[in-house]
Amino acid sequence: MSEKKYVIRGYEFGYNDECSYVEGNRVKCSFIDKELAESVYESLEIKAARRFDLSEVENLFDGNDHLLKKCDQFMFVTCGVRLLNNEGYIERGLYLPKNMRDDDVLKFVEIAQMHSYQLLAFNNSPSFYVLWIPKENTYARYQTEGMKYLHYANSKLELQSGMDDMIEDNGLNPLVIKGKLNEISDTPVLLERLVDQNKKISYSEKNETLKVVGYEPAPYFSVNPLLKKPLFEMHKISLEELMALEKKLAESAWEEYA
């Protein structure tokens, strides 16, 4: 019988002078006890929700009339306080009422879709996929204004589909490789055929240069296995390894920011 593992993933927020927005996420902690995991998750979610200036919550800032009126009605029924002013807007500096019960806070978070955390369940110990970039001797990552995040996913397919930002953040567009095809690849015939079939991939015999352009992941994944020196390698890592890597990235980002 497999043992479930519960993981709490926390969103990291940025601010754009109007509202807070999700700019990344990190794994916060893991459990094997479901009730404990749910209790910790709810506690974290409640504390985060009570700290938010509601006028700066992205989903409320961009919310349509139906969502705003639904949240307004829920707050009024549970606490006797209105979310919206007479003009139909959320006043700056408005927080969840202190008399709102914790279980109602969780319901409000669900209605407003203003989650700060995710509770995920896995069979056995979860594993994740990351991209190792040999040339840089590091794992692929993406960076926001002040933080760095590891580029990872639950499956190889998911990792590939989310590679567009990673291509930009890791300087792969355009990709330029110098050399003759038989110097670049152990299978030059296959590489030449790929160049003929894909408009995003080109080769100049005059300059002896292979080039891949654009942010679509497919051309890069097509070229990669044909190269003597791969652009990236897919590595499978454990939850503990993921948390250690994320901690290291967070520490390096704060050191640079400071």
Protein backbone atom coordinates (compact mmCIF):
# COMPACT_ATOMS: atom_id res chain seq x y z
CA MET A 1 0.00 0.00 0.00
CA SER A 2 1.44 3.34 -1.08
CA GLU A 3 1.92 6.09 1.47
CA LYS A 4 0.66 9.52 0.50
CA LYS A 5 2.81 12.58 0.94
CA TYR A 6 1.35 16.06 1.28
CA VAL A 7 3.18 19.12 0.04
CA ILE A 8 2.40 22.79 0.70
CA ARG A 9 3.51 25.07 -2.09
CA GLY A 10 3.49 28.81 -1.43
CA TYR A 11 3.03 31.52 -4.01
CA GLU A 12 5.52 34.37 -4.12
CA PHE A 13 4.02 37.78 -4.88
CA GLY A 14 5.31 40.80 -6.73
CA TYR A 15 3.82 44.30 -6.75
CA ASN A 16 3.32 46.58 -9.76
CA ASP A 17 2.18 49.81 -8.02
CA GLU A 18 -1.45 48.74 -8.47
CA CYS A 19 -1.83 45.22 -7.15
CA SER A 20 -0.01 42.15 -5.93
CA TYR A 21 0.45 39.37 -8.48
CA VAL A 22 1.83 35.84 -8.41
CA GLU A 23 5.35 35.84 -9.80
CA GLY A 24 6.49 32.40 -8.69
CA ASN A 25 6.14 29.64 -6.11
CA ARG A 26 8.22 27.57 -3.75
CA VAL A 27 7.66 24.34 -1.85
CA LYS A 28 7.30 25.30 1.81
CA CYS A 29 6.97 22.00 3.67
CA SER A 30 5.83 18.38 3.39
CA PHE A 31 3.89 15.92 5.58
CA ILE A 32 2.80 12.31 5.70
CA ASP A 33 -0.12 13.08 8.04
CA LYS A 34 -3.11 14.41 6.07
CA GLU A 35 -4.84 16.10 9.00
CA LEU A 36 -1.64 17.89 10.04
CA ALA A 37 -1.00 19.00 6.45
CA GLU A 38 -4.54 20.37 6.13
CA SER A 39 -4.28 22.15 9.48
CA VAL A 40 -0.96 23.82 8.60
CA TYR A 41 -2.22 24.73 5.11
CA GLU A 42 -5.37 26.36 6.50
CA SER A 43 -3.40 28.26 9.13
CA LEU A 44 -0.99 29.62 6.51
CA GLU A 45 -3.82 30.54 4.13
CA ILE A 46 -5.76 32.37 6.85
CA LYS A 47 -2.75 34.37 8.05
CA ALA A 48 -1.86 35.35 4.49
CA ALA A 49 -5.43 36.40 3.66
CA ARG A 50 -5.68 38.61 6.75
CA ARG A 51 -2.46 40.43 5.74
CA PHE A 52 -3.72 41.39 2.27
CA ASP A 53 -4.92 44.88 1.46
CA LEU A 54 -8.00 43.69 -0.45
CA SER A 55 -7.79 46.58 -2.91
CA GLU A 56 -4.42 45.20 -4.04
CA VAL A 57 -5.46 41.55 -4.52
CA GLU A 58 -5.01 40.90 -8.24
CA ASN A 59 -8.15 38.83 -8.70
CA LEU A 60 -10.26 41.49 -6.97
CA PHE A 61 -8.45 44.37 -8.66
CA ASP A 62 -9.24 42.82 -12.06
CA GLY A 63 -12.51 41.23 -10.93
CA ASN A 64 -15.79 41.61 -12.82
CA ASP A 65 -18.99 42.92 -11.24
CA HIS A 66 -20.33 39.41 -10.56
CA LEU A 67 -17.25 38.37 -8.55
CA LEU A 68 -17.02 41.65 -6.63
CA LYS A 69 -20.71 41.64 -5.69
CA LYS A 70 -20.48 37.99 -4.61
CA CYS A 71 -17.51 38.78 -2.35
CA ASP A 72 -19.21 41.91 -1.08
CA GLN A 73 -22.37 40.01 -0.17
CA PHE A 74 -20.43 37.24 1.58
CA MET A 75 -18.49 39.74 3.68
CA PHE A 76 -21.64 41.64 4.61
CA VAL A 77 -23.57 38.50 5.60
CA THR A 78 -20.74 37.07 7.71
CA CYS A 79 -19.37 40.28 9.27
CA GLY A 80 -21.73 43.16 8.55
CA VAL A 81 -19.00 44.95 6.60
CA ARG A 82 -19.12 45.91 2.93
CA LEU A 83 -16.27 45.12 0.55
CA LEU A 84 -17.41 47.75 -1.95
CA ASN A 85 -18.01 51.44 -1.32
CA ASN A 86 -21.00 53.38 -2.64
CA GLU A 87 -19.29 53.76 -6.01
CA GLY A 88 -18.71 50.01 -6.33
CA TYR A 89 -14.98 50.05 -5.60
CA ILE A 90 -12.74 48.60 -2.89
CA GLU A 91 -11.26 51.33 -0.73
CA ARG A 92 -7.48 51.39 -0.29
CA GLY A 93 -6.38 49.96 3.05
CA LEU A 94 -9.35 47.61 3.44
CA TYR A 95 -8.50 44.30 5.12
CA LEU A 96 -10.63 41.32 6.07
CA PRO A 97 -12.65 42.25 9.18
CA LYS A 98 -11.10 41.06 12.43
CA ASN A 99 -14.44 39.54 13.45
CA MET A 100 -14.53 37.29 10.37
CA ARG A 101 -14.22 33.71 11.58
CA ASP A 102 -11.33 31.62 10.30
CA ASP A 103 -13.58 29.19 8.44
CA ASP A 104 -15.25 32.16 6.72
CA VAL A 105 -11.82 33.54 5.79
CA LEU A 106 -11.12 30.28 3.97
CA LYS A 107 -14.48 30.50 2.20
CA PHE A 108 -13.76 34.09 1.16
CA VAL A 109 -10.34 33.06 -0.16
CA GLU A 110 -12.05 30.37 -2.24
CA ILE A 111 -14.71 32.72 -3.59
CA ALA A 112 -12.22 35.46 -4.42
CA GLN A 113 -9.62 32.95 -5.69
CA MET A 114 -6.92 34.77 -3.71
CA HIS A 115 -4.97 31.73 -2.61
CA SER A 116 -1.47 32.16 -1.22
CA TYR A 117 -0.79 28.43 -0.92
CA GLN A 118 -1.56 25.08 -2.53
CA LEU A 119 -1.95 21.75 -0.76
CA LEU A 120 -0.87 18.92 -3.05
CA ALA A 121 -1.10 15.17 -2.46
CA PHE A 122 1.27 12.61 -3.97
CA ASN A 123 1.52 8.84 -3.81
CA ASN A 124 4.80 7.97 -2.10
CA SER A 125 7.58 10.54 -2.22
CA PRO A 126 7.03 12.88 -5.16
CA SER A 127 9.64 13.49 -7.81
CA PHE A 128 10.07 16.42 -10.15
CA TYR A 129 11.83 17.21 -13.41
CA VAL A 130 14.34 20.01 -13.90
CA LEU A 131 16.56 21.15 -16.75
CA TRP A 132 20.30 21.05 -16.27
CA ILE A 133 22.28 23.43 -18.51
CA PRO A 134 25.79 21.93 -18.92
CA LYS A 135 27.31 25.08 -20.43
CA GLU A 136 26.29 27.14 -17.38
CA ASN A 137 26.85 24.28 -14.93
CA THR A 138 23.50 25.06 -13.31
CA TYR A 139 19.81 24.27 -13.36
CA ALA A 140 17.51 26.34 -15.55
CA ARG A 141 15.77 29.10 -13.67
CA TYR A 142 13.74 32.20 -14.24
CA GLN A 143 14.12 35.53 -12.50
CA THR A 144 11.76 38.31 -11.45
CA GLU A 145 12.62 41.75 -10.09
CA GLY A 146 14.12 40.45 -6.89
CA MET A 147 13.86 36.67 -6.84
CA LYS A 148 15.09 33.59 -8.69
CA TYR A 149 12.96 30.51 -9.21
CA LEU A 150 13.83 27.01 -10.31
CA HIS A 151 12.24 25.92 -13.58
CA TYR A 152 10.67 22.54 -12.71
CA ALA A 153 7.55 20.47 -13.36
CA ASN A 154 5.80 17.27 -12.30
CA SER A 155 6.40 15.58 -15.68
CA LYS A 156 8.71 15.81 -18.69
CA LEU A 157 5.85 16.94 -20.90
CA GLU A 158 4.84 19.70 -18.49
CA LEU A 159 8.46 20.80 -18.22
CA GLN A 160 8.74 21.10 -21.99
CA SER A 161 5.48 23.00 -22.41
CA GLY A 162 6.55 25.64 -19.89
CA MET A 163 9.96 26.29 -21.42
CA ASP A 164 9.23 29.57 -23.23
CA ASP A 165 10.11 31.75 -20.22
CA MET A 166 13.13 29.59 -19.47
CA ILE A 167 14.45 30.11 -23.02
CA GLU A 168 14.31 33.87 -22.53
CA ASP A 169 15.63 33.96 -18.97
CA ASN A 170 18.56 31.67 -19.74
CA GLY A 171 19.64 33.49 -22.91
CA LEU A 172 18.93 30.71 -25.41
CA ASN A 173 17.20 32.89 -28.02
CA PRO A 174 18.77 33.03 -30.47
CA LEU A 175 20.81 29.87 -30.06
CA VAL A 176 23.97 30.03 -32.16
CA ILE A 177 26.38 27.09 -32.50
CA LYS A 178 29.54 27.36 -34.61
CA GLY A 179 30.98 24.43 -36.57
CA LYS A 180 30.40 22.02 -39.39
CA LEU A 181 27.39 19.74 -39.02
CA ASN A 182 29.60 16.69 -38.44
CA GLU A 183 31.44 18.64 -35.75
CA ILE A 184 28.22 19.70 -34.06
CA SER A 185 26.44 16.35 -34.29
CA ASP A 186 27.19 12.64 -34.38
CA THR A 187 24.20 12.34 -36.73
CA PRO A 188 24.75 15.22 -39.21
CA VAL A 189 22.36 13.76 -41.78
CA LEU A 190 19.49 13.80 -39.28
CA LEU A 191 20.41 17.31 -38.19
CA GLU A 192 20.47 18.52 -41.80
CA ARG A 193 17.05 16.96 -42.37
CA LEU A 194 15.71 18.72 -39.28
CA VAL A 195 17.04 22.06 -40.56
CA ASP A 196 15.18 21.51 -43.85
CA GLN A 197 11.93 20.70 -42.04
CA ASN A 198 11.83 23.44 -39.39
CA LYS A 199 11.75 27.15 -40.23
CA LYS A 200 12.97 28.05 -36.75
CA ILE A 201 16.22 26.14 -37.34
CA SER A 202 18.76 27.22 -39.94
CA TYR A 203 22.31 26.39 -40.94
CA SER A 204 24.72 28.59 -42.88
CA GLU A 205 27.36 26.57 -44.72
CA LYS A 206 29.23 29.78 -45.50
CA ASN A 207 29.51 30.80 -41.84
CA GLU A 208 29.32 27.22 -40.51
CA THR A 209 26.67 28.30 -38.04
CA LEU A 210 23.60 26.52 -36.70
CA LYS A 211 20.89 28.86 -35.42
CA VAL A 212 17.62 28.31 -33.56
CA VAL A 213 15.31 31.29 -33.02
CA GLY A 214 12.08 31.99 -31.14
CA TYR A 215 10.60 31.11 -27.77
CA GLU A 216 8.69 27.99 -28.83
CA PRO A 217 10.16 24.99 -26.97
CA ALA A 218 9.70 22.44 -29.79
CA PRO A 219 12.68 23.47 -32.01
CA TYR A 220 15.06 23.42 -29.05
CA PHE A 221 13.87 19.99 -27.94
CA SER A 222 14.19 18.74 -31.53
CA VAL A 223 17.77 19.94 -31.90
CA ASN A 224 18.99 19.00 -28.43
CA PRO A 225 19.31 15.18 -28.78
CA LEU A 226 21.21 15.56 -32.06
CA LEU A 227 23.97 17.72 -30.55
CA LYS A 228 27.28 16.39 -29.32
CA LYS A 229 27.08 18.96 -26.53
CA PRO A 230 23.42 19.11 -25.44
CA LEU A 231 21.88 22.45 -24.50
CA PHE A 232 20.14 20.90 -21.53
CA GLU A 233 19.48 17.61 -19.79
CA MET A 234 16.30 16.54 -18.04
CA HIS A 235 17.06 15.47 -14.48
CA LYS A 236 14.68 13.76 -12.08
CA ILE A 237 15.00 15.00 -8.51
CA SER A 238 13.35 14.25 -5.19
CA LEU A 239 11.22 16.61 -3.14
CA GLU A 240 14.07 17.07 -0.67
CA GLU A 241 16.49 17.96 -3.48
CA LEU A 242 13.95 20.43 -4.90
CA MET A 243 13.51 22.16 -1.56
CA ALA A 244 17.28 22.40 -1.09
CA LEU A 245 17.76 23.92 -4.55
CA GLU A 246 14.94 26.43 -4.01
CA LYS A 247 16.38 27.44 -0.65
CA LYS A 248 19.78 28.02 -2.23
CA LEU A 249 18.25 30.12 -5.02
CA ALA A 250 16.26 32.20 -2.54
CA GLU A 251 19.34 32.87 -0.42
CA SER A 252 21.44 33.90 -3.44
CA ALA A 253 18.69 36.21 -4.67
CA TRP A 254 18.39 37.96 -1.32
CA GLU A 255 22.18 38.32 -1.13
CA GLU A 256 22.22 40.01 -4.55
CA TYR A 257 19.23 42.18 -3.63
CA ALA A 258 20.87 43.29 -0.40
